[in-house]
Protein backbone atom coordinates (compact mmCIF):
# COMPACT_ATOMS: atom_id res chain seq x y z
CA MET A 1 -60.03 -16.87 18.21
CA VAL A 2 -58.52 -19.24 14.88
CA LEU A 3 -58.84 -16.20 12.72
CA ASN A 4 -57.17 -13.73 15.17
CA ALA A 5 -54.12 -16.29 16.44
CA PHE A 6 -53.64 -16.92 12.66
CA ASN A 7 -53.26 -13.31 12.51
CA LEU A 8 -51.41 -12.90 15.27
CA THR A 9 -48.81 -16.13 14.02
CA LEU A 10 -48.86 -13.46 10.47
CA LEU A 11 -48.04 -10.48 12.12
CA LEU A 12 -45.11 -12.33 13.65
CA ALA A 13 -44.14 -13.83 10.90
CA CYS A 14 -43.57 -10.64 8.74
CA LEU A 15 -42.13 -9.36 11.66
CA VAL A 16 -39.25 -11.15 11.58
CA MET A 17 -38.89 -11.19 8.14
CA ALA A 18 -38.67 -7.73 7.95
CA PHE A 19 -36.12 -8.23 10.83
CA LEU A 20 -34.34 -10.65 8.62
CA VAL A 21 -34.25 -7.71 5.71
CA LEU A 22 -33.03 -5.29 8.01
CA LYS A 23 -30.49 -7.01 8.89
CA LEU A 24 -28.87 -9.26 5.99
CA LEU A 25 -29.47 -6.36 3.21
CA PRO A 26 -27.20 -3.16 4.81
CA PRO A 27 -23.79 -5.96 4.71
CA LEU A 28 -24.66 -7.00 1.78
CA PHE A 29 -24.69 -2.84 -0.47
CA ARG A 30 -21.66 -2.35 1.81
CA LYS A 31 -20.01 -5.17 0.30
CA ASP A 32 -20.73 -3.70 -2.96
CA HIS A 33 -19.65 0.03 -2.22
CA LYS A 34 -16.93 -1.19 -0.98
CA SER A 35 -16.24 -3.58 -3.86
CA TYR A 36 -16.58 0.19 -6.27
CA ASP A 37 -14.39 1.87 -3.59
CA GLU A 38 -11.64 -0.91 -4.11
CA SER A 39 -11.98 -0.25 -7.68
CA LEU A 40 -11.19 3.03 -7.63
CA ASP A 41 -8.21 3.31 -5.90
CA GLU A 42 -7.04 0.31 -7.91
CA ARG A 43 -8.05 2.39 -10.94
CA LEU A 44 -6.08 5.49 -9.48
CA GLU A 45 -2.91 3.13 -8.25
CA GLN A 46 -2.98 2.28 -12.53
CA PHE A 47 -3.18 5.97 -13.70
CA SER A 48 -0.62 6.48 -11.18
CA THR A 49 1.81 4.49 -12.45
CA ARG A 50 1.05 5.57 -16.08
CA LEU A 51 1.49 9.33 -14.89
CA ILE A 52 5.37 8.23 -13.84
CA LYS A 53 6.50 7.15 -17.57
CA LEU A 54 5.10 10.45 -19.34
CA LEU A 55 7.33 13.45 -21.69
CA ASP A 56 5.09 15.56 -22.99
CA ASN A 57 1.46 17.14 -22.13
CA ARG A 58 -1.02 15.68 -24.53
CA GLN A 59 -0.09 12.79 -22.93
CA LEU A 60 -0.68 13.08 -19.91
CA TRP A 61 -4.12 14.99 -20.43
CA GLU A 62 -4.97 12.18 -22.54
CA GLN A 63 -4.13 9.57 -19.52
CA VAL A 64 -6.77 12.27 -17.70
CA VAL A 65 -9.73 12.45 -19.59
CA GLN A 66 -9.42 8.81 -19.76
CA PHE A 67 -9.68 8.83 -16.04
CA CYS A 68 -11.79 10.38 -15.47
CA ARG A 69 -14.67 9.00 -18.05
CA LYS A 70 -14.23 5.91 -15.98
CA ILE A 71 -15.09 8.39 -12.95
CA LEU A 72 -17.83 9.49 -14.06
CA ASP A 73 -20.16 10.28 -16.94
CA VAL A 74 -20.45 13.54 -17.77
CA PRO A 75 -20.10 14.82 -21.97
CA GLN A 76 -18.34 17.58 -21.12
CA ILE A 77 -14.65 18.40 -19.82
CA ALA A 78 -12.00 20.92 -20.45
CA ILE A 79 -8.18 21.12 -18.86
CA ILE A 80 -6.74 24.63 -18.83
CA THR A 81 -3.47 25.48 -17.21
CA PHE A 82 -2.03 28.92 -16.57
CA GLN A 83 0.94 30.32 -17.47
CA GLU A 84 3.12 29.75 -14.49
CA TYR A 85 3.20 33.10 -11.66
CA ASP A 86 0.12 34.14 -14.33
CA PRO A 87 -2.84 32.91 -13.59
CA SER A 88 -4.34 35.81 -16.89
CA PRO A 89 -3.28 33.87 -19.75
CA TYR A 90 -4.50 30.77 -20.43
CA ARG A 91 -4.27 27.93 -22.47
CA ILE A 92 -7.19 25.32 -23.23
CA ASP A 93 -5.38 21.56 -23.32
CA HIS A 94 -8.60 19.98 -23.45
CA SER A 95 -12.61 21.28 -24.81
CA GLU A 96 -14.81 17.87 -24.86
CA GLY A 97 -18.76 19.75 -24.90
CA ILE A 98 -17.39 23.54 -23.53
CA ALA A 99 -16.85 25.58 -25.67
CA GLU A 100 -14.11 27.68 -25.83
CA ASP A 101 -16.21 31.64 -25.57
CA GLN A 102 -17.96 29.53 -22.43
CA ILE A 103 -14.26 29.07 -21.37
CA ALA A 104 -13.42 32.78 -21.86
CA GLU A 105 -16.78 34.30 -20.40
CA LEU A 106 -15.78 31.81 -17.21
CA LEU A 107 -12.47 32.60 -17.04
CA ASN A 108 -12.11 36.02 -18.61
CA HIS A 109 -15.71 37.77 -17.15
CA SER A 110 -16.97 35.94 -14.13
CA ASP A 111 -18.91 37.92 -10.96
CA PRO A 112 -17.87 36.93 -8.52
CA ASN A 113 -13.88 36.36 -10.02
CA LEU A 114 -13.76 31.71 -10.25
CA VAL A 115 -9.72 32.49 -10.44
CA ARG A 116 -9.45 34.38 -8.39
CA LEU A 117 -12.09 32.24 -5.53
CA LEU A 118 -9.93 29.38 -6.46
CA GLU A 119 -6.47 31.40 -5.62
CA GLU A 120 -7.82 31.96 -2.62
CA ASN A 121 -9.17 28.90 -1.91
CA PRO A 122 -8.07 26.09 -3.32
CA GLN A 123 -10.89 23.39 -3.06
CA ILE A 124 -12.31 21.11 -4.76
CA VAL A 125 -15.84 22.59 -5.78
CA TYR A 126 -18.26 20.49 -6.14
CA ARG A 127 -21.87 22.38 -6.99
CA PRO A 128 -24.61 20.05 -4.11
CA ASP A 129 -22.26 21.66 -1.61
CA LEU A 130 -23.03 24.40 -2.37
CA PRO A 131 -25.06 27.17 -0.19
CA ALA A 132 -28.62 27.57 -1.88
CA GLY A 133 -28.77 30.93 -3.41
CA GLY A 134 -25.02 31.54 -3.54
CA ALA A 135 -23.27 33.59 -5.87
CA LEU A 136 -20.65 31.30 -6.76
CA GLY A 137 -23.61 27.73 -7.33
CA GLU A 138 -25.46 30.87 -9.65
CA LEU A 139 -22.66 30.74 -11.69
CA LEU A 140 -21.98 26.96 -12.01
CA ASN A 141 -25.25 26.32 -13.05
CA THR A 142 -25.17 28.77 -15.60
CA PHE A 143 -22.43 27.49 -17.67
CA GLN A 144 -23.97 24.03 -16.39
CA LEU A 145 -20.83 22.83 -14.60
CA HIS A 146 -21.21 20.56 -11.78
CA LEU A 147 -17.85 19.92 -10.68
CA LEU A 148 -14.17 22.18 -10.69
CA ILE A 149 -11.54 20.39 -10.01
CA PRO A 150 -8.34 23.18 -8.77
CA LEU A 151 -4.50 21.45 -10.16
CA ILE A 152 -2.57 23.14 -7.10
CA ARG A 153 1.03 23.61 -6.93
CA GLU A 154 3.03 25.14 -3.91
CA LYS A 155 0.25 26.57 -3.22
CA THR A 156 -0.07 28.09 -7.18
CA LEU A 157 -2.50 27.75 -8.95
CA ILE A 158 -2.04 26.23 -12.05
CA GLY A 159 -5.04 24.78 -14.14
CA LEU A 160 -8.79 23.87 -13.60
CA ILE A 161 -11.03 20.44 -14.67
CA LEU A 162 -13.73 21.52 -15.66
CA PHE A 163 -17.23 18.62 -15.63
CA GLY A 164 -20.40 19.47 -16.79
CA ASP A 165 -23.85 18.27 -18.12
CA PRO A 166 -27.37 19.55 -19.24
CA ARG A 167 -29.02 17.53 -16.19
CA PRO A 168 -29.61 19.54 -13.61
CA GLU A 169 -28.43 16.82 -11.70
CA LEU A 170 -25.24 15.18 -11.69
CA LYS A 171 -23.97 12.51 -7.83
CA ILE A 172 -21.15 11.68 -7.15
CA SER A 173 -19.82 9.41 -4.43
CA ARG A 174 -17.61 11.54 -1.84
CA HIS A 175 -15.27 8.89 -2.20
CA SER A 176 -14.90 9.02 -6.12
CA ILE A 177 -14.39 12.87 -4.84
CA HIS A 178 -11.80 12.25 -2.79
CA VAL A 179 -9.69 9.89 -5.59
CA LEU A 180 -10.26 13.59 -8.15
CA ARG A 181 -9.04 14.93 -5.58
CA LEU A 182 -5.82 12.65 -4.94
CA MET A 183 -5.74 12.33 -9.03
CA SER A 184 -5.26 15.69 -9.49
CA ALA A 185 -2.83 16.19 -6.42
CA GLN A 186 -0.18 13.47 -9.14
CA ILE A 187 -1.73 15.90 -12.17
CA ALA A 188 0.45 18.77 -10.52
CA ILE A 189 3.79 17.28 -10.04
CA THR A 190 3.63 15.31 -13.29
CA LEU A 191 2.82 18.26 -14.85
CA GLU A 192 5.14 20.53 -13.40
CA HIS A 193 7.96 17.23 -14.58
CA ILE A 194 7.41 17.99 -17.30
CA ARG A 195 7.28 21.94 -17.44
CA THR A 196 10.69 21.69 -16.30
CA LEU A 197 12.02 18.39 -19.10
CA GLU A 198 10.82 21.44 -21.84
CA SER A 199 12.25 23.61 -20.76
CA LYS A 200 15.09 22.08 -19.86
CA PHE A 201 15.67 21.13 -23.85
CA GLN A 202 14.85 24.35 -24.22
CA SER A 203 17.45 24.97 -23.17
CA GLU A 204 20.15 22.54 -24.92
CA LYS A 205 18.45 23.44 -28.39
CA MET A 206 18.98 27.00 -27.32
CA ALA A 207 22.55 26.58 -26.74
CA GLY A 208 23.58 24.11 -29.36
CA LEU A 209 22.33 26.87 -31.85
CA GLY A 210 24.41 29.59 -29.54
CA MET A 211 27.54 27.39 -29.92
CA LEU A 212 26.70 26.80 -33.48
CA ALA A 213 26.66 30.09 -33.86
CA SER A 214 29.66 31.07 -33.03
CA GLN A 215 31.27 28.28 -34.52
CA ILE A 216 30.29 29.58 -38.04
CA ALA A 217 31.25 32.95 -37.09
CA HIS A 218 34.72 32.41 -35.70
CA ASP A 219 34.90 30.05 -39.74
CA PHE A 220 33.86 33.24 -40.92
CA LYS A 221 36.41 34.63 -39.26
CA SER A 222 39.11 32.52 -40.80
CA PHE A 223 37.93 33.07 -44.46
CA ILE A 224 37.41 36.17 -43.92
CA ALA A 225 41.09 37.33 -43.53
CA LEU A 226 41.76 34.81 -46.41
CA THR A 227 40.06 36.90 -48.98
CA GLN A 228 40.50 40.13 -47.80
CA ASN A 229 42.42 40.88 -51.29
CA GLN A 230 40.44 39.28 -53.75
CA SER A 231 38.14 40.89 -56.50
CA ARG A 232 35.82 43.34 -55.52
CA GLU A 233 32.87 41.03 -55.41
CA ILE A 234 34.36 38.56 -53.25
CA GLY A 235 35.17 41.78 -50.37
CA ARG A 236 31.25 42.50 -51.09
CA VAL A 237 30.36 39.30 -49.68
CA ALA A 238 33.10 39.30 -47.19
CA GLU A 239 31.48 42.07 -46.07
CA THR A 240 27.92 40.06 -45.82
CA ALA A 241 29.71 37.74 -43.85
CA VAL A 242 31.52 40.74 -41.56
CA GLN A 243 27.72 41.59 -41.50
CA ALA A 244 25.91 38.59 -40.17
CA GLU A 245 28.80 38.15 -36.80
CA ARG A 246 28.76 41.50 -35.44
CA GLN A 247 24.68 40.56 -35.62
CA LEU A 248 25.63 37.25 -33.23
CA ASN A 249 27.85 39.26 -31.78
CA ARG A 250 24.83 41.95 -30.85
CA LEU A 251 22.53 39.35 -29.77
CA ASP A 252 25.00 38.08 -27.52
CA ALA A 253 25.98 41.27 -25.98
CA ARG A 254 21.89 41.52 -25.11
CA GLY A 255 21.81 38.59 -23.81
CA GLU A 256 19.52 37.44 -26.85
CA THR A 257 18.38 33.66 -26.48
CA SER A 258 15.56 33.99 -29.22
CA THR A 259 15.37 30.58 -31.77
CA ALA A 260 14.12 32.84 -34.00
CA ALA A 261 16.73 35.38 -34.13
CA LEU A 262 19.34 33.28 -33.54
CA THR A 263 17.97 31.22 -36.53
CA GLU A 264 17.70 33.94 -38.72
CA ALA A 265 21.44 35.24 -37.77
CA LEU A 266 22.47 31.81 -39.24
CA LYS A 267 20.05 32.16 -42.16
CA THR A 268 22.39 35.08 -43.46
CA LEU A 269 26.03 33.31 -42.54
CA LEU A 270 25.12 30.39 -44.01
CA GLU A 271 23.12 32.20 -47.55
CA ALA A 272 26.55 34.23 -47.49
CA ALA A 273 28.83 30.82 -46.99
CA LYS A 274 26.64 29.62 -49.43
CA VAL A 275 27.85 33.46 -52.23
CA GLN A 276 30.52 32.20 -51.24
CA LYS A 277 31.24 28.69 -52.33
CA GLN A 278 29.38 29.68 -55.47
CA LYS A 279 31.92 32.42 -56.28
CA ASN A 280 35.23 30.55 -55.91
CA GLU A 281 33.56 27.81 -58.40
CA LYS A 282 33.63 30.63 -60.54
CA LEU A 283 37.55 31.69 -60.21
CA MET A 284 38.67 28.16 -59.92
CA LYS A 285 37.47 27.53 -63.40
C-alpha cells in the first residue's frame, strides 16, 4: 500500500511537471520567434533606407546580396535582369556558385520554360511548396535551386534572383519569404529608378555631343568662307571640313543618336582643325 501510494504521488508529480512544461515552454519559443521576425523587419527597413540613396546597378546588387546573406544561409546566388519589354536578352549582374552556362541552360533551354512560367505566374517559387514529382520541381532540383524570386514592375518580368544549395533541403521560414517578397518589390522600383536616371544621363550626354558637333560645324563654315580663295593645300583641308559637316548633317537628317557616330564625326572635324592650324602656322612664318 505504501509503495502504491508512493507510485501514485510520483505519477501525479510527473503529470504536474509535464503540464508546466507544456504550458510554459511554448510562450518562450514564441517570444524567440517573434524576436527573430522583428529582426528581419528591422533589417528590411534598414535595407529600404539604403536603397533610396543608390544611383547605379553595382551599388544596388551589392546591397541586395548583403541583405540576402543575412536572411538565407545559401552558397549560391545569381541575379539576372532582362531587357525592357523583352525577356529574351538577359544580363547576369551577379553570380556566386552558379556558372553562366547553367544560367543560360536554365533560361533558354529548360523544359518547362522558366521565364515563360514566371511571366504567366509572377510569384516567388519555393521548391518544397511545389507538387511532388512536378516538372518545375524537378527542374529546380536538377539545377540545385531552392528559391526563385522574380522582380516584377507593372506586371512585367524585369529580373530574377536565384538561390541554390547542394544540400537536398533548405528550410526557409514563411516570414523570411514574406520579407523577401517585400524586398523584391522594392528592388524592382529601385531598378526602374536607376534605369530612368541612366536614360536621362545618356540623353543629356547625347544632346551635349550634338550641340558640340553643331557648334564645330558652324565654326568651320565661317572658317571655310575665309579660306576659299587661298592655296590648293588649304582648299583640301577646307574640303575635309565640308565633308565632315555633311556627315553631321546626314546624321541629323536620319535622327542618328549613336555615340559612336557622333564621336566619329567630331574626330573628323577636330582632325581637320588640327591640320588647318599647322598649315596656318606655316603660312605665317
